[in-house]
Amino acid sequence: MKNIIILIGVSGSGKSTLGKALSEKLGILFIDGDDFHSQDNIEKMKKFGLLVGQAFQLRDDLFGYLSFDTGKPSLNDFKQAKITLPLIHSLSKVGKTERKKIINDLKNFKSIDKIIDFVKVNKGIEYSEKIMNDLITQSREILHSYPNSEYKRSLESLLDYIIRRNV
């Protein structure tokens, strides 16, 4: 019986590089899955992966402003002074003085409740949700170019999960 090694990962994660290195080291045949797809298909799925990743990250960024128990440390983005899209959008709505104060409070982990309220008042959550939904819509458009299959349905389920996840 022949041993078969299958490498699975997202686009750009190094599967081909690792596969080629393993092939040379073990003296076995290497077959790159990309060789079975057109360049157009590879580019579409690469774009799909980037869009999905961005939408997932936006949902993650929103958890700090919403009252979900996500399983990750509470207020972690604030503790790390991360300036995510909801805050970026909100900061773009105010003058330089208020921007500096909010950023300073964030850096010093002060007035977090006020920062959250600031983002809500300045529509940072709604803006970020709109961007996230636009990314999901673009992802769905890419999927619509493929025939129906269990794989396509799985990817569609992933898109639904990203939008409604609360963990």
Foldseek 3Di string as FASTA:
>chain_A
DDDDDDDDDAPPPCRVVVQVVCCVVVVHDGDDPVVVDDPVLVVLRNLLVVLLVLLLVLLVVCLQLDPFPPVPDHNVCLVVLPCDQLLVQLLVVDDPVVSVVLSVCSVVVHPSVVSSVSSVVSVSNVVSLVSSVVSLVSSVVSLVVDDDDPVSVVVNVSSVCSNPPRD
